[in-house]
Amino acid sequence: MLTKRSAQTGQHHIAAQVRWIVWGLVCLALVLFIPGADGISAQSPNRVGLIVVHDGKTIKKCVEFYEEQISGYEVLERSGLALIPMGGAMGAAICSLDNRGCNYPAEDCFCQCQGTPCVYWSYWHLVDGQWQYSSLGASSCWVHNGDVEGWVWGEGEYGVSGQRPPSMRFEDVCGSSPPVEPPSDGAVPAESAPVESVAPVKKKDLPEIDYFTADRTTIVAGESVTLAWDLHDAKEAYLRVGDQEQGVIAPYSMVVTPPTTTEYVLLARNKHGEVTKKVLIEVIPATPTPLPSETPSPTPTETPLPTPIPLPTDTPTPQPTDVPTPTEVPLAQVVAAVQPPAGRLPTITPTPTRTATPTYTPVALAAVRATPALFLHTTPEVLVRTQPLRDVADTTAQRLVLIGILSLVGGVIALILIGLMMRWTDSRRPGPSVVRQDTNARRRTGRRG
């Protein structure tokens, strides 16, 4: 028998079960629909069209990416087509694409462009519905959402021209694919192929390069620069320089010394794809240090030599010289002048010093006068320089003569004085007879005493 209380309890149980069911459905809805919201709210991928033409066929690729822009070379890498590049300082050259071209490095990258005709992969951009030839490499060109890239294997002039791709629109590559109209510019029509859409890789699944920098981007030849980088979510990383790749770790830094302008590319790869970052180091040729300019020495002005005065070649006229004639003094007069009177001591009076008058002998004069004859045929400059020598010789000769005369006179006077002193001494000494007389006188005196 059901009571009112039991009925109310049953209603409460039913209401609780209903609430649990509602909460379960809400939770189930959240589990089912919230993951889908991520796909609904996810950013739409960017798309770029790719046209590849060779051997009469056209390949269309719609490459999707999440970056704001990628390079033309990355479009080729993400297209899935077989690719053989040749790296260089100015970017990568395409040797083979979709297994058509040159098998580098086994053969030259431009193996069919060694002369005329020149067959190579020409690079094109679709601008305002018209194809424009690209003189830059794919590594140096950046593409954005809605762009169309074209590659044609055919004849042309490398870096100048090539075979133009067929007329195409972005919608023809990444949208519906209508039949291709024959080109109006004479290009060989190519058969159409179905559009292949390359599935986009979510940006969050790709590896990410945090930074790839250089402390300087412009250096002088011979200087060094430091590269530094860091990345994450990558299975492997490489540093590409030209056509060489070197495995690296992160974070890391490296000092490099590029000889010329060089582009360094950092690649980070995982199973979802790869990302790259580039650093271009511009190398300025070293300017040689200018040598100091030589200051031209002033040209010395030649001083004209004095015009030589011609001298007579005959026997030179002797110049008159005032030479006092020597006066001979008799020796008797000299003795009489200095002899003292008899009977008293001579008083020796100091002879006053007299300035002797220089005298010249004929022999000396003849020697001096003959001296100028040695310089008759010399230049006036030699005559001027040798003139003081003759004066010195004359003065020296005069002094020698004067010293000789004074020495002779002094010797004579000394001899006379010595003789006079000896005579005076002898006159003062008593003779032998006087001595005997004095002795005898003393003896007598003694006897008397």
Foldseek 3Di string as FASTA:
>chain_A
DDDPVVVVVVVVVVVVVVVVVVVVVVVVCCVPCVVVVCVVPPDDWFWEWEWEADPQAIAIEIETEHDQKDFLVVCLVLRPWDWDWFFDQQGIFTQDTNNDGDDPPVPDSQNQQPDPFGWGKWKWWQDPQDIDTDLGDRRVGMDGGQIYIYIYTATDDRSPDGADDARDGSCCAVNPPDFGDGHPPPGDHGGYDDHDYRDYDDPVQEKFKPDWDKPDQEEEQPDKIKIFTAIDNFPWKWKDWGNDIDTDDPGDMDIDHDRAWTKIKIWGHDPRGIDIDIGIRHYHYDDDDDDDDDDDDDDDDDDDDDDFDQDDPPDDDQDDDDADDDDDDDPVVVLVVQQDDPPDDDDDDDDDDDDDDFHDDPVVVVVLRCVCVVCNPPGVVVVVVCVVVSVVVVVVVRVVRVVVVVVVVVVSVVVSVVVNVVVVVVVPDDDPVVVVVVVVVVVVVVVVD
